[in-house]
PDB file of all heavy atoms in Angstrom:
ATOM      1  N   VAL A   1      -5.237   0.835  -1.861  1.00  0.00           N
ATOM      2  CA  VAL A   1      -5.118   0.593  -0.417  1.00  0.00           C
ATOM      3  C   VAL A   1      -6.391   1.089   0.260  1.00  0.00           C
ATOM      4  O   VAL A   1      -6.683   2.281   0.232  1.00  0.00           O
ATOM      5  CB  VAL A   1      -3.898   1.339   0.175  1.00  0.00           C
ATOM      6  CG1 VAL A   1      -3.737   0.993   1.657  1.00  0.00           C
ATOM      7  CG2 VAL A   1      -2.628   1.030  -0.591  1.00  0.00           C
ATOM      8  N   GLY A   2      -7.138   0.173   0.849  1.00  0.00           N
ATOM      9  CA  GLY A   2      -8.334   0.559   1.596  1.00  0.00           C
ATOM     10  C   GLY A   2      -9.318   1.397   0.794  1.00  0.00           C
ATOM     11  O   GLY A   2      -9.878   2.366   1.311  1.00  0.00           O
ATOM     12  N   GLY A   3      -9.526   1.037  -0.468  1.00  0.00           N
ATOM     13  CA  GLY A   3     -10.482   1.759  -1.293  1.00  0.00           C
ATOM     14  C   GLY A   3      -9.944   3.023  -1.946  1.00  0.00           C
ATOM     15  O   GLY A   3     -10.663   3.716  -2.661  1.00  0.00           O
ATOM     16  N   ILE A   4      -8.675   3.335  -1.700  1.00  0.00           N
ATOM     17  CA  ILE A   4      -8.046   4.518  -2.308  1.00  0.00           C
ATOM     18  C   ILE A   4      -6.945   4.041  -3.258  1.00  0.00           C
ATOM     19  O   ILE A   4      -6.129   3.181  -2.902  1.00  0.00           O
ATOM     20  CB  ILE A   4      -7.442   5.454  -1.237  1.00  0.00           C
ATOM     21  CG1 ILE A   4      -8.534   5.953  -0.300  1.00  0.00           C
ATOM     22  CG2 ILE A   4      -6.710   6.628  -1.884  1.00  0.00           C
ATOM     23  CD1 ILE A   4      -8.015   6.710   0.905  1.00  0.00           C
ATOM     24  N   GLY A   5      -6.901   4.606  -4.453  1.00  0.00           N
ATOM     25  CA  GLY A   5      -5.853   4.263  -5.415  1.00  0.00           C
ATOM     26  C   GLY A   5      -4.759   5.313  -5.416  1.00  0.00           C
ATOM     27  O   GLY A   5      -5.024   6.488  -5.672  1.00  0.00           O
ATOM     28  N   TYR A   6      -3.539   4.901  -5.107  1.00  0.00           N
ATOM     29  CA  TYR A   6      -2.388   5.809  -5.106  1.00  0.00           C
ATOM     30  C   TYR A   6      -1.610   5.639  -6.397  1.00  0.00           C
ATOM     31  O   TYR A   6      -1.153   4.530  -6.706  1.00  0.00           O
ATOM     32  CB  TYR A   6      -1.461   5.512  -3.919  1.00  0.00           C
ATOM     33  CG  TYR A   6      -2.063   5.831  -2.574  1.00  0.00           C
ATOM     34  CD1 TYR A   6      -2.750   4.858  -1.847  1.00  0.00           C
ATOM     35  CD2 TYR A   6      -1.949   7.105  -2.024  1.00  0.00           C
ATOM     36  CE1 TYR A   6      -3.308   5.143  -0.610  1.00  0.00           C
ATOM     37  CE2 TYR A   6      -2.500   7.407  -0.786  1.00  0.00           C
ATOM     38  CZ  TYR A   6      -3.188   6.416  -0.087  1.00  0.00           C
ATOM     39  OH  TYR A   6      -3.739   6.712   1.136  1.00  0.00           O
ATOM     40  N   ARG A   7      -1.443   6.726  -7.165  1.00  0.00           N
ATOM     41  CA  ARG A   7      -0.599   6.666  -8.358  1.00  0.00           C
ATOM     42  C   ARG A   7       0.851   6.814  -7.908  1.00  0.00           C
ATOM     43  O   ARG A   7       1.210   7.774  -7.244  1.00  0.00           O
ATOM     44  CB  ARG A   7      -0.936   7.768  -9.347  1.00  0.00           C
ATOM     45  CG  ARG A   7      -0.021   7.720 -10.595  1.00  0.00           C
ATOM     46  CD  ARG A   7      -0.490   8.616 -11.707  1.00  0.00           C
ATOM     47  NE  ARG A   7      -1.809   8.249 -12.219  1.00  0.00           N
ATOM     48  CZ  ARG A   7      -2.057   7.209 -13.025  1.00  0.00           C
ATOM     49  NH1 ARG A   7      -1.076   6.418 -13.405  1.00  0.00           N
ATOM     50  NH2 ARG A   7      -3.272   6.963 -13.459  1.00  0.00           N
ATOM     51  N   VAL A   8       1.677   5.839  -8.257  1.00  0.00           N
ATOM     52  CA  VAL A   8       3.084   5.823  -7.846  1.00  0.00           C
ATOM     53  C   VAL A   8       3.951   5.771  -9.100  1.00  0.00           C
ATOM     54  O   VAL A   8       3.837   4.842  -9.909  1.00  0.00           O
ATOM     55  CB  VAL A   8       3.391   4.604  -6.943  1.00  0.00           C
ATOM     56  CG1 VAL A   8       4.838   4.646  -6.464  1.00  0.00           C
ATOM     57  CG2 VAL A   8       2.437   4.549  -5.750  1.00  0.00           C
ATOM     58  N   PHE A   9       4.810   6.760  -9.268  1.00  0.00           N
ATOM     59  CA  PHE A   9       5.770   6.747 -10.369  1.00  0.00           C
ATOM     60  C   PHE A   9       6.886   5.763 -10.015  1.00  0.00           C
ATOM     61  O   PHE A   9       7.370   5.750  -8.881  1.00  0.00           O
ATOM     62  CB  PHE A   9       6.343   8.146 -10.611  1.00  0.00           C
ATOM     63  CG  PHE A   9       5.310   9.108 -11.131  1.00  0.00           C
ATOM     64  CD1 PHE A   9       4.606   9.939 -10.265  1.00  0.00           C
ATOM     65  CD2 PHE A   9       5.017   9.167 -12.483  1.00  0.00           C
ATOM     66  CE1 PHE A   9       3.641  10.809 -10.736  1.00  0.00           C
ATOM     67  CE2 PHE A   9       4.044  10.033 -12.973  1.00  0.00           C
ATOM     68  CZ  PHE A   9       3.352  10.858 -12.095  1.00  0.00           C
ATOM     69  N   ALA A  10       7.284   4.944 -10.983  1.00  0.00           N
ATOM     70  CA  ALA A  10       8.281   3.912 -10.700  1.00  0.00           C
ATOM     71  C   ALA A  10       9.126   3.647 -11.938  1.00  0.00           C
ATOM     72  O   ALA A  10       8.754   4.004 -13.054  1.00  0.00           O
ATOM     73  CB  ALA A  10       7.587   2.620 -10.252  1.00  0.00           C
ATOM     74  N   ALA A  11      10.265   3.007 -11.709  1.00  0.00           N
ATOM     75  CA  ALA A  11      11.182   2.665 -12.793  1.00  0.00           C
ATOM     76  C   ALA A  11      10.581   1.551 -13.652  1.00  0.00           C
ATOM     77  O   ALA A  11       9.762   0.756 -13.166  1.00  0.00           O
ATOM     78  CB  ALA A  11      12.525   2.210 -12.216  1.00  0.00           C
ATOM     79  N   PRO A  12      10.989   1.466 -14.930  1.00  0.00           N
ATOM     80  CA  PRO A  12      10.478   0.400 -15.810  1.00  0.00           C
ATOM     81  C   PRO A  12      10.663  -1.000 -15.227  1.00  0.00           C
ATOM     82  O   PRO A  12       9.815  -1.870 -15.430  1.00  0.00           O
ATOM     83  CB  PRO A  12      11.307   0.572 -17.087  1.00  0.00           C
ATOM     84  CG  PRO A  12      11.656   2.036 -17.105  1.00  0.00           C
ATOM     85  CD  PRO A  12      11.861   2.406 -15.651  1.00  0.00           C
ATOM     86  N   SER A  13      11.749  -1.229 -14.475  1.00  0.00           N
ATOM     87  CA  SER A  13      11.991  -2.553 -13.885  1.00  0.00           C
ATOM     88  C   SER A  13      10.899  -2.918 -12.878  1.00  0.00           C
ATOM     89  O   SER A  13      10.510  -4.085 -12.759  1.00  0.00           O
ATOM     90  CB  SER A  13      13.364  -2.596 -13.212  1.00  0.00           C
ATOM     91  OG  SER A  13      13.467  -1.574 -12.233  1.00  0.00           O
ATOM     92  N   VAL A  14      10.397  -1.929 -12.146  1.00  0.00           N
ATOM     93  CA  VAL A  14       9.305  -2.167 -11.191  1.00  0.00           C
ATOM     94  C   VAL A  14       8.002  -2.397 -11.944  1.00  0.00           C
ATOM     95  O   VAL A  14       7.247  -3.340 -11.662  1.00  0.00           O
ATOM     96  CB  VAL A  14       9.152  -0.977 -10.214  1.00  0.00           C
ATOM     97  CG1 VAL A  14       7.916  -1.143  -9.335  1.00  0.00           C
ATOM     98  CG2 VAL A  14      10.400  -0.818  -9.352  1.00  0.00           C
ATOM     99  N   LEU A  15       7.740  -1.563 -12.951  1.00  0.00           N
ATOM    100  CA  LEU A  15       6.496  -1.665 -13.721  1.00  0.00           C
ATOM    101  C   LEU A  15       6.410  -2.997 -14.474  1.00  0.00           C
ATOM    102  O   LEU A  15       5.338  -3.584 -14.583  1.00  0.00           O
ATOM    103  CB  LEU A  15       6.388  -0.496 -14.709  1.00  0.00           C
ATOM    104  CG  LEU A  15       6.360   0.904 -14.082  1.00  0.00           C
ATOM    105  CD1 LEU A  15       6.407   1.968 -15.167  1.00  0.00           C
ATOM    106  CD2 LEU A  15       5.133   1.085 -13.200  1.00  0.00           C
ATOM    107  N   ALA A  16       7.545  -3.473 -14.965  1.00  0.00           N
ATOM    108  CA  ALA A  16       7.563  -4.708 -15.757  1.00  0.00           C
ATOM    109  C   ALA A  16       7.214  -5.933 -14.915  1.00  0.00           C
ATOM    110  O   ALA A  16       6.687  -6.924 -15.442  1.00  0.00           O
ATOM    111  CB  ALA A  16       8.929  -4.898 -16.402  1.00  0.00           C
ATOM    112  N   THR A  17       7.519  -5.889 -13.614  1.00  0.00           N
ATOM    113  CA  THR A  17       7.272  -7.058 -12.764  1.00  0.00           C
ATOM    114  C   THR A  17       5.971  -6.941 -11.965  1.00  0.00           C
ATOM    115  O   THR A  17       5.578  -7.888 -11.297  1.00  0.00           O
ATOM    116  CB  THR A  17       8.437  -7.265 -11.779  1.00  0.00           C
ATOM    117  OG1 THR A  17       8.638  -6.064 -11.011  1.00  0.00           O
ATOM    118  CG2 THR A  17       9.724  -7.600 -12.520  1.00  0.00           C
ATOM    119  N   ALA A  18       5.302  -5.776 -12.026  1.00  0.00           N
ATOM    120  CA  ALA A  18       4.039  -5.597 -11.318  1.00  0.00           C
ATOM    121  C   ALA A  18       2.930  -6.359 -12.042  1.00  0.00           C
ATOM    122  O   ALA A  18       2.856  -6.350 -13.268  1.00  0.00           O
ATOM    123  CB  ALA A  18       3.690  -4.112 -11.231  1.00  0.00           C
ATOM    124  N   VAL A  19       2.084  -7.039 -11.268  1.00  0.00           N
ATOM    125  CA  VAL A  19       1.002  -7.843 -11.850  1.00  0.00           C
ATOM    126  C   VAL A  19      -0.337  -7.316 -11.333  1.00  0.00           C
ATOM    127  O   VAL A  19      -0.558  -7.283 -10.120  1.00  0.00           O
ATOM    128  CB  VAL A  19       1.155  -9.335 -11.462  1.00  0.00           C
ATOM    129  CG1 VAL A  19       0.023 -10.158 -12.054  1.00  0.00           C
ATOM    130  CG2 VAL A  19       2.513  -9.867 -11.889  1.00  0.00           C
ATOM    131  N   PRO A  20      -1.217  -6.878 -12.228  1.00  0.00           N
ATOM    132  CA  PRO A  20      -2.528  -6.386 -11.790  1.00  0.00           C
ATOM    133  C   PRO A  20      -3.252  -7.404 -10.907  1.00  0.00           C
ATOM    134  O   PRO A  20      -3.271  -8.603 -11.212  1.00  0.00           O
ATOM    135  CB  PRO A  20      -3.287  -6.162 -13.109  1.00  0.00           C
ATOM    136  CG  PRO A  20      -2.200  -5.905 -14.112  1.00  0.00           C
ATOM    137  CD  PRO A  20      -1.062  -6.790 -13.688  1.00  0.00           C
ATOM    138  N   GLY A  21      -3.801  -6.913  -9.789  1.00  0.00           N
ATOM    139  CA  GLY A  21      -4.520  -7.797  -8.870  1.00  0.00           C
ATOM    140  C   GLY A  21      -3.662  -8.448  -7.813  1.00  0.00           C
ATOM    141  O   GLY A  21      -4.161  -9.065  -6.874  1.00  0.00           O
ATOM    142  N   LYS A  22      -2.338  -8.345  -7.952  1.00  0.00           N
ATOM    143  CA  LYS A  22      -1.418  -8.923  -6.965  1.00  0.00           C
ATOM    144  C   LYS A  22      -0.981  -7.848  -5.974  1.00  0.00           C
ATOM    145  O   LYS A  22      -0.928  -6.664  -6.303  1.00  0.00           O
ATOM    146  CB  LYS A  22      -0.170  -9.503  -7.648  1.00  0.00           C
ATOM    147  CG  LYS A  22      -0.458 -10.661  -8.581  1.00  0.00           C
ATOM    148  CD  LYS A  22      -0.673 -11.942  -7.809  1.00  0.00           C
ATOM    149  CE  LYS A  22      -0.800 -13.135  -8.768  1.00  0.00           C
ATOM    150  NZ  LYS A  22      -1.034 -14.372  -8.066  1.00  0.00           N
ATOM    151  N   VAL A  23      -0.605  -8.278  -4.761  1.00  0.00           N
ATOM    152  CA  VAL A  23      -0.152  -7.341  -3.735  1.00  0.00           C
ATOM    153  C   VAL A  23       1.278  -6.899  -4.030  1.00  0.00           C
ATOM    154  O   VAL A  23       2.128  -7.713  -4.401  1.00  0.00           O
ATOM    155  CB  VAL A  23      -0.216  -7.986  -2.324  1.00  0.00           C
ATOM    156  CG1 VAL A  23       0.406  -7.074  -1.270  1.00  0.00           C
ATOM    157  CG2 VAL A  23      -1.656  -8.299  -1.958  1.00  0.00           C
ATOM    158  N   LEU A  24       1.523  -5.617  -3.885  1.00  0.00           N
ATOM    159  CA  LEU A  24       2.866  -5.049  -4.095  1.00  0.00           C
ATOM    160  C   LEU A  24       3.146  -4.043  -2.993  1.00  0.00           C
ATOM    161  O   LEU A  24       2.281  -3.241  -2.638  1.00  0.00           O
ATOM    162  CB  LEU A  24       2.933  -4.361  -5.461  1.00  0.00           C
ATOM    163  CG  LEU A  24       4.250  -3.663  -5.821  1.00  0.00           C
ATOM    164  CD1 LEU A  24       5.382  -4.674  -5.952  1.00  0.00           C
ATOM    165  CD2 LEU A  24       4.098  -2.871  -7.118  1.00  0.00           C
ATOM    166  N   LYS A  25       4.357  -4.105  -2.445  1.00  0.00           N
ATOM    167  CA  LYS A  25       4.783  -3.102  -1.467  1.00  0.00           C
ATOM    168  C   LYS A  25       5.939  -2.310  -2.043  1.00  0.00           C
ATOM    169  O   LYS A  25       6.896  -2.885  -2.562  1.00  0.00           O
ATOM    170  CB  LYS A  25       5.216  -3.745  -0.146  1.00  0.00           C
ATOM    171  CG  LYS A  25       5.684  -2.697   0.867  1.00  0.00           C
ATOM    172  CD  LYS A  25       6.056  -3.276   2.212  1.00  0.00           C
ATOM    173  CE  LYS A  25       6.485  -2.160   3.144  1.00  0.00           C
ATOM    174  NZ  LYS A  25       6.823  -2.640   4.500  1.00  0.00           N
ATOM    175  N   LEU A  26       5.843  -0.987  -1.973  1.00  0.00           N
ATOM    176  CA  LEU A  26       6.915  -0.114  -2.444  1.00  0.00           C
ATOM    177  C   LEU A  26       7.283   0.887  -1.357  1.00  0.00           C
ATOM    178  O   LEU A  26       6.408   1.429  -0.680  1.00  0.00           O
ATOM    179  CB  LEU A  26       6.481   0.645  -3.708  1.00  0.00           C
ATOM    180  CG  LEU A  26       6.230  -0.178  -4.976  1.00  0.00           C
ATOM    181  CD1 LEU A  26       5.699   0.712  -6.081  1.00  0.00           C
ATOM    182  CD2 LEU A  26       7.486  -0.909  -5.421  1.00  0.00           C
ATOM    183  N   HIS A  27       8.588   1.120  -1.196  1.00  0.00           N
ATOM    184  CA  HIS A  27       9.073   2.217  -0.357  1.00  0.00           C
ATOM    185  C   HIS A  27       8.871   3.482  -1.191  1.00  0.00           C
ATOM    186  O   HIS A  27       9.172   3.488  -2.383  1.00  0.00           O
ATOM    187  CB  HIS A  27      10.556   2.036  -0.026  1.00  0.00           C
ATOM    188  CG  HIS A  27      10.828   0.758   0.705  1.00  0.00           C
ATOM    189  ND1 HIS A  27      10.782   0.663   2.070  1.00  0.00           N
ATOM    190  CD2 HIS A  27      11.130  -0.482   0.254  1.00  0.00           C
ATOM    191  CE1 HIS A  27      11.048  -0.571   2.433  1.00  0.00           C
ATOM    192  NE2 HIS A  27      11.265  -1.292   1.352  1.00  0.00           N
ATOM    193  N   THR A  28       8.374   4.545  -0.573  1.00  0.00           N
ATOM    194  CA  THR A  28       8.012   5.707  -1.375  1.00  0.00           C
ATOM    195  C   THR A  28       8.669   7.006  -0.914  1.00  0.00           C
ATOM    196  O   THR A  28       8.963   7.194   0.260  1.00  0.00           O
ATOM    197  CB  THR A  28       6.480   5.923  -1.377  1.00  0.00           C
ATOM    198  OG1 THR A  28       6.015   6.003  -0.026  1.00  0.00           O
ATOM    199  CG2 THR A  28       5.772   4.806  -2.101  1.00  0.00           C
ATOM    200  N   PHE A  29       8.880   7.868  -1.890  1.00  0.00           N
ATOM    201  CA  PHE A  29       9.280   9.250  -1.664  1.00  0.00           C
ATOM    202  C   PHE A  29       8.053  10.096  -1.981  1.00  0.00           C
ATOM    203  O   PHE A  29       7.500  10.006  -3.080  1.00  0.00           O
ATOM    204  CB  PHE A  29      10.447   9.641  -2.578  1.00  0.00           C
ATOM    205  CG  PHE A  29      10.791  11.100  -2.509  1.00  0.00           C
ATOM    206  CD1 PHE A  29      11.599  11.593  -1.499  1.00  0.00           C
ATOM    207  CD2 PHE A  29      10.292  11.992  -3.456  1.00  0.00           C
ATOM    208  CE1 PHE A  29      11.910  12.942  -1.427  1.00  0.00           C
ATOM    209  CE2 PHE A  29      10.595  13.340  -3.400  1.00  0.00           C
ATOM    210  CZ  PHE A  29      11.406  13.821  -2.375  1.00  0.00           C
ATOM    211  N   HIS A  30       7.616  10.895  -1.019  1.00  0.00           N
ATOM    212  CA  HIS A  30       6.409  11.706  -1.182  1.00  0.00           C
ATOM    213  C   HIS A  30       6.840  13.139  -1.498  1.00  0.00           C
ATOM    214  O   HIS A  30       7.316  13.854  -0.623  1.00  0.00           O
ATOM    215  CB  HIS A  30       5.583  11.649   0.105  1.00  0.00           C
ATOM    216  CG  HIS A  30       4.252  12.327   0.004  1.00  0.00           C
ATOM    217  ND1 HIS A  30       3.457  12.531   1.091  1.00  0.00           N
ATOM    218  CD2 HIS A  30       3.568  12.846  -1.056  1.00  0.00           C
ATOM    219  CE1 HIS A  30       2.338  13.152   0.716  1.00  0.00           C
ATOM    220  NE2 HIS A  30       2.395  13.353  -0.584  1.00  0.00           N
ATOM    221  N   LEU A  31       6.690  13.519  -2.752  1.00  0.00           N
ATOM    222  CA  LEU A  31       7.032  14.874  -3.186  1.00  0.00           C
ATOM    223  C   LEU A  31       5.844  15.795  -2.909  1.00  0.00           C
ATOM    224  O   LEU A  31       4.723  15.508  -3.318  1.00  0.00           O
ATOM    225  CB  LEU A  31       7.352  14.878  -4.687  1.00  0.00           C
ATOM    226  CG  LEU A  31       7.604  16.257  -5.314  1.00  0.00           C
ATOM    227  CD1 LEU A  31       8.945  16.813  -4.869  1.00  0.00           C
ATOM    228  CD2 LEU A  31       7.548  16.178  -6.837  1.00  0.00           C
ATOM    229  N   VAL A  32       6.102  16.895  -2.184  1.00  0.00           N
ATOM    230  CA  VAL A  32       5.053  17.872  -1.901  1.00  0.00           C
ATOM    231  C   VAL A  32       5.567  19.250  -2.304  1.00  0.00           C
ATOM    232  O   VAL A  32       6.556  19.743  -1.760  1.00  0.00           O
ATOM    233  CB  VAL A  32       4.671  17.886  -0.399  1.00  0.00           C
ATOM    234  CG1 VAL A  32       3.579  18.916  -0.137  1.00  0.00           C
ATOM    235  CG2 VAL A  32       4.215  16.507   0.050  1.00  0.00           C
ATOM    236  N   ARG A  33       4.880  19.827  -3.300  1.00  0.00           N
ATOM    237  CA  ARG A  33       5.188  21.194  -3.734  1.00  0.00           C
ATOM    238  C   ARG A  33       3.893  21.994  -3.734  1.00  0.00           C
ATOM    239  O   ARG A  33       2.810  21.416  -3.623  1.00  0.00           O
ATOM    240  CB  ARG A  33       5.802  21.190  -5.136  1.00  0.00           C
ATOM    241  CG  ARG A  33       7.192  20.599  -5.187  1.00  0.00           C
ATOM    242  CD  ARG A  33       7.753  20.656  -6.601  1.00  0.00           C
ATOM    243  NE  ARG A  33       9.091  20.114  -6.664  1.00  0.00           N
ATOM    244  CZ  ARG A  33       9.650  19.640  -7.761  1.00  0.00           C
ATOM    245  NH1 ARG A  33       8.974  19.652  -8.893  1.00  0.00           N
ATOM    246  NH2 ARG A  33      10.878  19.168  -7.743  1.00  0.00           N
TER     247      ARG A  33
END
């Protein structure tokens, strides 16, 4: 996003359908410890 790469942990079902170079939108939970 805008020159920044965000690593997002996701379920195998999400990873299996993700296509490199294609746009993907995910709702996220931001864990801060």
